[in-house]
Amino acid sequence: MHFIVTTDAQKADPETQKFIRRQVMIGKNRGNSHRAKKRKATTTSGEVTRRVDHKRGPPGPSEARIGVEAYNSTLPRRVGSDLSFINLAIEMDSAAFGNMIRFLDVKIRAFYPLVLVTGICKKGAAYFDPLELDAAYLHVVMFAAAVFRNKVSGRQAFATNTNQDATATVHFLKGVQILRERLSLGDKSTHSSDSTIAAVSTLAMSALFMGEDETFKHHMSGLRKMVNLRGGIAAFKGNKLLSEIFRCDIGMAMQNGSQPIFFSNPRLDPVIPYPDQELLPMRKIVSVTHSRHDSQCFLFLDKMDPSLVEAWTVTQNSCSMINLSEETRTNLAPELLYDTMASVMYRLLHMNFDPGSVDEAVRLCLLGMSYHAFLQWQDLSLPCVYFPSIYKSCLLDPKLLDEAPSQLMLWLLMIGAVSAFTASDHPWLRDCLRKHINICQVKTWNEMRQVLKSFMWIGLLHDKPGKEIFEAVL
């Protein structure tokens, strides 16, 4: 028996509706077969079998089915789905359980933009390993689900006079209370357990969604202490919690320009090494040279800061790997992508170049592209103001317009359009794009796409919005 959780506020998704209709038709068909049996005969399945054995030889398909049904009827049917056997750490009603399921389902898809090339997709009971055992994490997830729902609906704050928001506030208070009691105890193993770190990182993510900077910094400071208790970043090798911690840390730096909590001083706290050795096997398959030395538009690479060139090369290799993975329907190791994200983005955040220089424009473009590919919640805008503002100022700087070739400007503008800018930027963005499209004599989207791919471009993420922007400009 399958349990379907739903509420009056939201209809079931198409797959669930098909499942319901299928089950209804099964019930109707069974009713018809029972009525037909009563009208035709009252013989038992044993009598049918004996009659077949002595008079007509092997049974026909319909007669064999009667025997199978008689046998199966003695076996107990399966009761419940995988989720019905989960023992959660706290009790909750069906509506709350449904909200949590929807949040976790959306989170796994929206949290990981490249889910199609990594194969990260958890279903059913796989969601619930930490939730079953840790009440603090479960309460916090219930609160985060409400924050996410409000963000999607366009509401910026909780309304304490609504039942849903009041319930979410109760979950928040209970979760924080359990965490405080746990951290006040002397057992340091629980201070830095996976479930405790997951609960605090979820609180940090919620604060990020709500635009509460001070609360966010408080949670991130706690996470830094917990990571240190476990032995530092190296102790989390291969642990997905690390990518979620980095997501919050880098996300806040992109939103308001603050210094990251982790790797705040690269000299004292070395950044994760570039995954160069792991990328080498792919370089034999993927051509990433793009004949840059044969084209005038790539001469800027020879003048670029060496550390920035290194970040450019690693990012370009990563984009080529993602495109190849999507084309060949093969999966990439999530750890490889997250190591690339952390090693590239933390280094870019600590680089400093002159405003309006080509180096600064490339640094910001690589940050925007990496953030969009690895960290940005899909179809959900966060209150990010700082990064789009400094990127726009750089792209409109007369110094950059004098030094950067038009093909490079097309790439810088298009990456900004798909990763950072909003509808309010469309007027100036379209004017700039139209100018450089005309200079480069680009007539079609395919020609435009070839220009973008000669730099770096992820078709899976960028093709659809890029084509829409190009067509709007023309």
Protein backbone atom coordinates (compact mmCIF):
# COMPACT_ATOMS: atom_id res chain seq x y z
CA MET A 1 0.00 0.00 0.00
CA HIS A 2 1.46 3.35 -1.04
CA PHE A 3 0.90 6.49 1.02
CA ILE A 4 0.40 9.74 -0.90
CA VAL A 5 0.89 12.92 1.10
CA THR A 6 -0.92 15.98 -0.21
CA THR A 7 -2.66 19.13 1.01
CA ASP A 8 -5.54 21.27 -0.21
CA ALA A 9 -3.12 24.02 -1.21
CA GLN A 10 -1.25 22.03 -3.85
CA LYS A 11 -2.37 19.48 -6.43
CA ALA A 12 -0.48 16.26 -6.89
CA ASP A 13 2.21 16.24 -9.58
CA PRO A 14 1.44 14.54 -12.96
CA GLU A 15 3.26 11.31 -12.04
CA THR A 16 1.28 10.97 -8.81
CA GLN A 17 -2.00 11.64 -10.66
CA LYS A 18 -1.17 8.87 -13.16
CA PHE A 19 -0.40 6.52 -10.28
CA ILE A 20 -3.74 7.28 -8.62
CA ARG A 21 -5.69 6.69 -11.85
CA ARG A 22 -3.83 3.42 -12.43
CA GLN A 23 -4.70 2.17 -8.95
CA VAL A 24 -8.35 3.15 -9.41
CA MET A 25 -8.58 1.21 -12.68
CA ILE A 26 -6.98 -1.83 -11.04
CA GLY A 27 -9.70 -1.74 -8.40
CA LYS A 28 -12.45 -1.47 -11.02
CA ASN A 29 -11.03 -4.34 -13.05
CA ARG A 30 -10.82 -6.56 -10.01
CA GLY A 31 -14.46 -5.80 -9.21
CA ASN A 32 -15.51 -6.80 -12.74
CA SER A 33 -13.58 -10.06 -12.56
CA HIS A 34 -15.23 -10.98 -9.23
CA ARG A 35 -18.72 -10.38 -10.63
CA ALA A 36 -17.92 -12.42 -13.73
CA LYS A 37 -16.74 -15.34 -11.60
CA LYS A 38 -20.01 -15.39 -9.65
CA ARG A 39 -22.09 -15.50 -12.83
CA LYS A 40 -20.05 -18.22 -14.62
CA ALA A 41 -19.17 -20.86 -12.06
CA THR A 42 -18.65 -21.66 -8.43
CA THR A 43 -15.97 -24.30 -8.81
CA THR A 44 -12.83 -24.00 -6.74
CA SER A 45 -9.38 -23.59 -8.18
CA GLY A 46 -8.52 -27.15 -7.06
CA GLU A 47 -11.46 -28.58 -9.05
CA VAL A 48 -10.40 -26.65 -12.12
CA THR A 49 -6.88 -27.98 -11.81
CA ARG A 50 -7.98 -31.61 -11.41
CA ARG A 51 -10.36 -31.34 -14.39
CA VAL A 52 -7.55 -29.99 -16.55
CA ASP A 53 -5.14 -32.72 -15.46
CA HIS A 54 -7.47 -35.64 -16.33
CA LYS A 55 -9.37 -34.38 -19.38
CA ARG A 56 -7.56 -31.70 -21.35
CA GLY A 57 -3.86 -31.75 -20.55
CA PRO A 58 -1.95 -28.50 -19.84
CA PRO A 59 -3.98 -25.54 -18.57
CA GLY A 60 -4.74 -22.54 -20.74
CA PRO A 61 -3.55 -19.03 -19.85
CA SER A 62 -6.75 -17.99 -18.09
CA GLU A 63 -6.95 -21.21 -16.06
CA ALA A 64 -3.31 -20.98 -15.06
CA ARG A 65 -3.93 -17.42 -13.86
CA ILE A 66 -6.71 -18.65 -11.56
CA GLY A 67 -4.29 -21.10 -9.97
CA VAL A 68 -1.62 -18.39 -9.52
CA GLU A 69 -4.14 -16.02 -7.94
CA ALA A 70 -5.25 -18.73 -5.54
CA TYR A 71 -1.63 -19.31 -4.52
CA ASN A 72 -0.80 -15.62 -4.17
CA SER A 73 -3.88 -15.02 -2.05
CA THR A 74 -2.26 -17.03 0.74
CA LEU A 75 0.71 -14.61 0.88
CA PRO A 76 0.39 -11.32 2.77
CA ARG A 77 0.47 -8.30 0.50
CA ARG A 78 3.13 -5.62 1.00
CA VAL A 79 1.93 -2.90 3.33
CA GLY A 80 3.26 0.63 2.92
CA SER A 81 6.12 2.13 0.91
CA ASP A 82 9.76 2.56 1.86
CA LEU A 83 8.90 5.83 3.58
CA SER A 84 6.22 4.22 5.75
CA PHE A 85 8.88 2.29 7.70
CA ILE A 86 10.92 5.37 8.64
CA ASN A 87 11.06 6.15 12.34
CA LEU A 88 11.63 9.90 12.49
CA ALA A 89 13.18 11.48 15.57
CA ILE A 90 10.04 13.55 16.23
CA GLU A 91 6.35 13.19 15.46
CA MET A 92 4.75 15.27 12.73
CA ASP A 93 1.46 15.39 10.90
CA SER A 94 1.03 14.37 7.26
CA ALA A 95 1.01 17.97 5.96
CA ALA A 96 4.30 18.78 7.67
CA PHE A 97 5.80 15.52 6.42
CA GLY A 98 4.67 16.36 2.89
CA ASN A 99 6.24 19.83 3.08
CA MET A 100 9.53 18.30 4.17
CA ILE A 101 9.46 15.73 1.35
CA ARG A 102 8.84 18.46 -1.24
CA PHE A 103 11.60 20.64 0.20
CA LEU A 104 14.17 17.84 0.14
CA ASP A 105 13.14 16.85 -3.37
CA VAL A 106 13.47 20.41 -4.68
CA LYS A 107 16.67 20.96 -2.72
CA ILE A 108 18.50 18.04 -4.27
CA ARG A 109 17.66 19.34 -7.77
CA ALA A 110 18.04 23.07 -7.16
CA PHE A 111 21.06 22.78 -4.85
CA TYR A 112 23.08 20.99 -7.50
CA PRO A 113 22.79 22.69 -10.90
CA LEU A 114 24.90 19.95 -12.50
CA VAL A 115 22.88 17.06 -11.09
CA LEU A 116 22.43 15.61 -14.60
CA VAL A 117 26.17 15.05 -15.06
CA THR A 118 26.97 13.91 -11.52
CA GLY A 119 24.12 11.47 -10.94
CA ILE A 120 23.35 12.99 -7.51
CA CYS A 121 19.73 12.11 -6.94
CA LYS A 122 18.33 10.63 -3.75
CA LYS A 123 14.86 9.23 -3.50
CA GLY A 124 12.73 7.65 -0.83
CA ALA A 125 14.33 6.52 2.39
CA ALA A 126 17.80 7.65 1.30
CA TYR A 127 16.81 11.18 2.33
CA PHE A 128 16.27 10.23 5.92
CA ASP A 129 19.48 8.77 7.33
CA PRO A 130 20.32 11.80 9.51
CA LEU A 131 16.69 12.79 10.05
CA GLU A 132 15.75 9.53 11.71
CA LEU A 133 18.39 9.83 14.40
CA ASP A 134 18.75 13.55 15.07
CA ALA A 135 15.85 15.64 16.36
CA ALA A 136 17.77 18.91 16.04
CA TYR A 137 18.41 18.35 12.34
CA LEU A 138 14.81 17.37 11.72
CA HIS A 139 13.46 20.51 13.42
CA VAL A 140 15.89 22.69 11.49
CA VAL A 141 14.95 21.10 8.16
CA MET A 142 11.28 21.78 8.90
CA PHE A 143 12.15 25.43 9.52
CA ALA A 144 14.27 25.61 6.34
CA ALA A 145 11.39 24.14 4.32
CA ALA A 146 9.17 27.02 5.48
CA VAL A 147 11.87 29.59 4.64
CA PHE A 148 12.21 28.08 1.18
CA ARG A 149 8.43 28.10 0.67
CA ASN A 150 8.25 31.77 1.60
CA LYS A 151 11.12 32.61 -0.72
CA VAL A 152 9.49 30.86 -3.65
CA SER A 153 6.17 32.58 -2.97
CA GLY A 154 7.85 35.98 -2.82
CA ARG A 155 7.37 36.57 0.90
CA GLN A 156 10.43 38.02 2.59
CA ALA A 157 9.51 37.54 6.25
CA PHE A 158 7.54 35.23 8.48
CA ALA A 159 4.00 36.15 9.43
CA THR A 160 3.50 34.90 12.97
CA ASN A 161 -0.28 35.02 12.58
CA THR A 162 -0.27 32.17 10.05
CA ASN A 163 -0.34 28.56 11.21
CA GLN A 164 2.44 27.45 8.89
CA ASP A 165 4.86 30.20 9.90
CA ALA A 166 4.02 29.82 13.58
CA THR A 167 4.73 26.09 13.32
CA ALA A 168 8.02 26.80 11.53
CA THR A 169 9.04 29.19 14.30
CA VAL A 170 8.34 26.47 16.88
CA HIS A 171 10.55 24.05 14.93
CA PHE A 172 13.31 26.67 14.79
CA LEU A 173 13.19 27.29 18.55
CA LYS A 174 13.17 23.58 19.37
CA GLY A 175 16.03 22.84 16.99
CA VAL A 176 18.18 25.67 18.40
CA GLN A 177 17.37 24.60 21.96
CA ILE A 178 18.53 21.02 21.29
CA LEU A 179 21.71 22.28 19.63
CA ARG A 180 22.52 24.57 22.55
CA GLU A 181 22.01 21.78 25.06
CA ARG A 182 24.17 19.46 22.98
CA LEU A 183 26.99 21.99 22.64
CA SER A 184 26.91 22.76 26.36
CA LEU A 185 27.75 19.15 27.20
CA GLY A 186 31.31 17.92 27.53
CA ASP A 187 31.14 15.29 24.79
CA LYS A 188 33.14 16.90 21.97
CA SER A 189 32.32 14.04 19.57
CA THR A 190 28.72 15.27 19.37
CA HIS A 191 29.87 18.89 18.98
CA SER A 192 31.26 18.12 15.54
CA SER A 193 29.15 15.15 14.43
CA ASP A 194 27.81 15.07 10.88
CA SER A 195 24.23 15.64 12.03
CA THR A 196 25.20 18.65 14.19
CA ILE A 197 27.20 20.21 11.35
CA ALA A 198 24.33 19.51 8.94
CA ALA A 199 21.88 21.23 11.29
CA VAL A 200 24.05 24.34 11.69
CA SER A 201 24.79 24.56 7.95
CA THR A 202 21.03 24.36 7.27
CA LEU A 203 20.50 27.24 9.70
CA ALA A 204 23.23 29.19 7.88
CA MET A 205 21.57 28.49 4.54
CA SER A 206 18.23 29.71 5.92
CA ALA A 207 19.85 32.93 7.17
CA LEU A 208 21.39 33.38 3.72
CA PHE A 209 17.95 33.04 2.15
CA MET A 210 16.46 35.53 4.59
CA GLY A 211 19.23 38.10 4.15
CA GLU A 212 20.20 38.00 7.84
CA ASP A 213 23.93 38.69 7.59
CA GLU A 214 24.80 38.77 11.29
CA THR A 215 22.94 35.53 12.01
CA PHE A 216 24.68 33.94 9.06
CA LYS A 217 28.13 35.00 10.31
CA HIS A 218 27.32 33.57 13.74
CA HIS A 219 26.41 30.17 12.25
CA MET A 220 29.46 30.15 9.95
CA SER A 221 31.76 30.96 12.88
CA GLY A 222 30.30 27.96 14.70
CA LEU A 223 30.82 25.76 11.65
CA ARG A 224 34.46 26.83 11.44
CA LYS A 225 35.00 25.73 15.06
CA MET A 226 33.28 22.39 14.41
CA VAL A 227 35.44 21.74 11.36
CA ASN A 228 38.55 22.52 13.42
CA LEU A 229 37.39 20.05 16.10
CA ARG A 230 37.22 17.33 13.46
CA GLY A 231 40.81 18.01 12.39
CA GLY A 232 40.28 20.62 9.69
CA ILE A 233 39.20 20.53 6.05
CA ALA A 234 41.28 17.44 5.30
CA ALA A 235 39.10 15.35 7.64
CA PHE A 236 36.08 15.98 5.39
CA LYS A 237 37.59 14.61 2.19
CA GLY A 238 34.73 13.06 0.19
CA ASN A 239 32.09 14.29 2.65
CA LYS A 240 29.24 16.16 0.93
CA LEU A 241 28.85 18.34 4.04
CA LEU A 242 31.99 20.21 3.00
CA SER A 243 30.45 21.34 -0.28
CA GLU A 244 27.38 22.64 1.56
CA ILE A 245 29.59 24.57 4.00
CA PHE A 246 31.57 26.08 1.13
CA ARG A 247 28.33 26.92 -0.66
CA CYS A 248 27.20 29.09 2.25
CA ASP A 249 30.63 30.65 2.78
CA ILE A 250 31.20 31.61 -0.88
CA GLY A 251 27.55 32.58 -1.31
CA MET A 252 27.76 35.27 1.36
CA ALA A 253 31.01 36.62 -0.08
CA MET A 254 29.31 36.94 -3.47
CA GLN A 255 26.25 38.59 -1.96
CA ASN A 256 27.84 41.34 0.11
CA GLY A 257 31.58 41.30 -0.60
CA SER A 258 32.56 40.04 2.86
CA GLN A 259 35.66 37.94 3.45
CA PRO A 260 35.03 34.18 3.46
CA ILE A 261 35.20 32.41 6.83
CA PHE A 262 37.32 29.59 5.39
CA PHE A 263 40.74 30.23 3.81
CA SER A 264 40.58 33.82 5.01
CA ASN A 265 44.39 33.98 4.83
CA PRO A 266 45.69 31.73 2.03
CA ARG A 267 49.25 31.93 3.40
CA LEU A 268 48.28 30.56 6.83
CA ASP A 269 45.35 28.46 5.63
CA PRO A 270 46.25 27.06 2.17
CA VAL A 271 43.36 26.71 -0.26
CA ILE A 272 42.42 23.26 -1.58
CA PRO A 273 44.85 22.33 -4.40
CA TYR A 274 43.63 22.43 -7.96
CA PRO A 275 42.45 18.95 -9.03
CA ASP A 276 45.06 19.02 -11.79
CA GLN A 277 46.01 15.37 -11.66
CA GLU A 278 42.38 14.26 -11.87
CA LEU A 279 41.78 16.51 -14.87
CA LEU A 280 44.75 15.20 -16.85
CA PRO A 281 43.05 12.02 -18.21
CA MET A 282 40.21 14.11 -19.62
CA ARG A 283 42.57 16.46 -21.42
CA LYS A 284 43.53 13.66 -23.79
CA ILE A 285 39.88 13.37 -24.83
CA VAL A 286 38.76 16.99 -24.75
CA SER A 287 40.39 19.61 -26.89
CA VAL A 288 40.61 22.81 -24.87
CA THR A 289 43.26 24.73 -26.79
CA HIS A 290 40.71 26.44 -29.11
CA SER A 291 43.68 27.52 -31.26
CA ARG A 292 44.09 30.50 -28.93
CA HIS A 293 47.54 31.31 -30.23
CA ASP A 294 46.20 31.55 -33.79
CA SER A 295 43.60 34.14 -32.87
CA GLN A 296 44.18 37.78 -32.07
CA CYS A 297 41.37 37.79 -29.52
CA PHE A 298 43.33 35.44 -27.23
CA LEU A 299 46.49 37.55 -27.05
CA PHE A 300 45.24 38.96 -23.73
CA LEU A 301 46.06 35.59 -22.12
CA ASP A 302 49.78 36.19 -22.64
CA LYS A 303 49.53 39.44 -20.66
CA MET A 304 47.25 38.12 -17.93
CA ASP A 305 48.41 37.48 -14.35
CA PRO A 306 49.85 33.91 -14.09
CA SER A 307 47.61 32.98 -11.14
CA LEU A 308 44.57 34.10 -13.10
CA VAL A 309 45.72 32.13 -16.16
CA GLU A 310 45.92 29.03 -13.96
CA ALA A 311 42.36 29.57 -12.69
CA TRP A 312 41.25 30.16 -16.31
CA THR A 313 42.80 26.86 -17.46
CA VAL A 314 41.29 24.78 -14.65
CA THR A 315 37.84 26.32 -15.21
CA GLN A 316 38.08 25.80 -18.96
CA ASN A 317 39.04 22.14 -18.49
CA SER A 318 36.13 21.69 -16.09
CA CYS A 319 33.66 23.17 -18.59
CA SER A 320 34.95 20.88 -21.33
CA MET A 321 34.56 17.86 -19.06
CA ILE A 322 30.98 18.83 -18.17
CA ASN A 323 30.07 19.29 -21.85
CA LEU A 324 31.61 15.94 -22.76
CA SER A 325 29.84 14.22 -19.87
CA GLU A 326 26.49 15.61 -20.99
CA GLU A 327 27.06 14.62 -24.62
CA THR A 328 28.17 11.07 -23.81
CA ARG A 329 25.62 10.52 -20.98
CA THR A 330 28.37 9.65 -18.50
CA ASN A 331 28.62 10.82 -14.90
CA LEU A 332 31.39 12.87 -13.34
CA ALA A 333 32.49 12.34 -9.75
CA PRO A 334 30.79 15.03 -7.63
CA GLU A 335 33.98 15.36 -5.55
CA LEU A 336 35.90 16.42 -8.65
CA LEU A 337 33.46 19.23 -9.42
CA TYR A 338 33.32 20.46 -5.81
CA ASP A 339 37.12 20.43 -5.49
CA THR A 340 37.26 22.44 -8.71
CA MET A 341 34.65 24.88 -7.37
CA ALA A 342 36.41 25.41 -4.04
CA SER A 343 39.94 25.62 -5.43
CA VAL A 344 38.98 28.08 -8.18
CA MET A 345 36.48 30.32 -6.39
CA TYR A 346 38.40 30.82 -3.14
CA ARG A 347 41.50 31.79 -5.13
CA LEU A 348 39.51 34.20 -7.33
CA LEU A 349 37.94 35.83 -4.26
CA HIS A 350 41.40 36.60 -2.88
CA MET A 351 42.82 38.03 -6.14
CA ASN A 352 42.95 41.80 -6.55
CA PHE A 353 43.37 43.68 -9.84
CA ASP A 354 42.87 47.24 -11.05
CA PRO A 355 39.21 48.22 -11.65
CA GLY A 356 38.35 48.19 -15.34
CA SER A 357 41.36 46.04 -16.30
CA VAL A 358 41.03 42.95 -18.46
CA ASP A 359 42.32 40.86 -15.57
CA GLU A 360 39.61 42.16 -13.24
CA ALA A 361 36.90 41.56 -15.88
CA VAL A 362 38.09 37.98 -16.42
CA ARG A 363 38.29 37.37 -12.65
CA LEU A 364 34.70 38.54 -12.16
CA CYS A 365 33.51 36.57 -15.20
CA LEU A 366 35.09 33.34 -13.90
CA LEU A 367 33.52 33.97 -10.49
CA GLY A 368 30.09 34.49 -12.04
CA MET A 369 30.40 31.42 -14.23
CA SER A 370 31.62 29.18 -11.39
CA TYR A 371 28.94 30.44 -9.02
CA HIS A 372 26.23 29.79 -11.59
CA ALA A 373 27.55 26.32 -12.44
CA PHE A 374 28.33 25.02 -8.97
CA LEU A 375 26.43 27.00 -6.36
CA GLN A 376 23.49 29.03 -7.64
CA TRP A 377 20.00 27.80 -6.77
CA GLN A 378 18.31 27.26 -10.09
CA ASP A 379 15.22 29.39 -10.85
CA LEU A 380 15.52 31.06 -7.44
CA SER A 381 17.20 34.43 -7.01
CA LEU A 382 18.95 35.24 -3.75
CA PRO A 383 19.34 38.83 -2.51
CA CYS A 384 22.66 39.20 -4.34
CA VAL A 385 23.49 42.87 -4.95
CA TYR A 386 27.22 43.30 -4.48
CA PHE A 387 28.58 41.01 -7.21
CA PRO A 388 26.30 42.15 -10.08
CA SER A 389 27.08 45.76 -9.17
CA ILE A 390 30.87 45.49 -9.34
CA TYR A 391 30.67 43.32 -12.48
CA LYS A 392 28.47 45.86 -14.25
CA SER A 393 30.81 48.72 -13.28
CA CYS A 394 33.77 46.80 -14.68
CA LEU A 395 32.04 45.97 -18.00
CA LEU A 396 31.08 49.63 -18.53
CA ASP A 397 34.52 50.99 -17.62
CA PRO A 398 36.04 52.92 -20.59
CA LYS A 399 39.43 51.37 -19.85
CA LEU A 400 38.09 47.86 -20.47
CA LEU A 401 36.25 48.89 -23.62
CA ASP A 402 39.52 50.24 -25.04
CA GLU A 403 41.61 47.16 -24.20
CA ALA A 404 39.32 44.13 -24.62
CA PRO A 405 38.61 42.69 -28.10
CA SER A 406 34.93 42.47 -29.07
CA GLN A 407 34.83 38.67 -28.99
CA LEU A 408 36.04 38.74 -25.39
CA MET A 409 33.45 41.42 -24.58
CA LEU A 410 30.70 39.22 -26.03
CA TRP A 411 31.73 36.39 -23.72
CA LEU A 412 32.03 38.67 -20.66
CA LEU A 413 28.58 40.15 -21.31
CA MET A 414 26.84 36.84 -22.02
CA ILE A 415 28.25 35.13 -18.91
CA GLY A 416 27.05 38.08 -16.87
CA ALA A 417 23.64 37.90 -18.53
CA VAL A 418 23.07 34.22 -17.68
CA SER A 419 24.64 34.25 -14.22
CA ALA A 420 24.36 37.63 -12.52
CA PHE A 421 22.23 40.28 -14.17
CA THR A 422 18.46 40.71 -13.88
CA ALA A 423 15.69 42.31 -15.94
CA SER A 424 16.65 45.76 -14.61
CA ASP A 425 19.98 45.39 -16.46
CA HIS A 426 18.42 44.57 -19.82
CA PRO A 427 18.52 48.07 -21.43
CA TRP A 428 22.28 48.72 -21.04
CA LEU A 429 23.10 45.02 -21.50
CA ARG A 430 21.25 44.81 -24.82
CA ASP A 431 22.93 47.95 -26.11
CA CYS A 432 26.38 46.59 -25.28
CA LEU A 433 25.64 43.16 -26.74
CA ARG A 434 24.20 44.63 -29.94
CA LYS A 435 27.30 46.78 -30.42
CA HIS A 436 29.77 43.88 -30.15
CA ILE A 437 27.54 41.46 -32.08
CA ASN A 438 27.66 43.87 -34.99
CA ILE A 439 31.44 44.36 -34.71
CA CYS A 440 31.98 40.57 -34.72
CA GLN A 441 29.46 40.21 -37.60
CA VAL A 442 27.52 37.50 -35.77
CA LYS A 443 24.24 36.78 -37.57
CA THR A 444 22.83 33.62 -35.98
CA TRP A 445 22.70 31.93 -32.58
CA ASN A 446 24.94 29.10 -33.85
CA GLU A 447 27.61 31.63 -34.78
CA MET A 448 27.23 33.29 -31.39
CA ARG A 449 27.48 29.95 -29.62
CA GLN A 450 30.72 29.13 -31.47
CA VAL A 451 32.25 32.37 -30.20
CA LEU A 452 31.19 31.62 -26.63
CA LYS A 453 32.43 28.02 -26.79
CA SER A 454 35.85 29.21 -28.00
CA PHE A 455 36.24 30.74 -24.52
CA MET A 456 34.19 28.53 -22.17
CA TRP A 457 30.50 27.74 -22.15
CA ILE A 458 28.40 24.98 -20.53
CA GLY A 459 25.64 24.04 -22.96
CA LEU A 460 23.56 22.24 -20.34
CA LEU A 461 23.21 25.41 -18.26
CA HIS A 462 23.80 28.27 -20.65
CA ASP A 463 22.29 27.40 -24.04
CA LYS A 464 18.64 28.04 -23.23
CA PRO A 465 18.98 31.40 -21.44
CA GLY A 466 21.79 32.45 -23.79
CA LYS A 467 19.68 31.87 -26.89
CA GLU A 468 16.75 33.78 -25.38
CA ILE A 469 19.00 36.76 -24.64
CA PHE A 470 20.54 36.67 -28.13
CA GLU A 471 17.15 36.58 -29.82
CA ALA A 472 15.88 39.41 -27.61
CA VAL A 473 18.85 41.55 -28.65
CA LEU A 474 18.30 40.95 -32.36
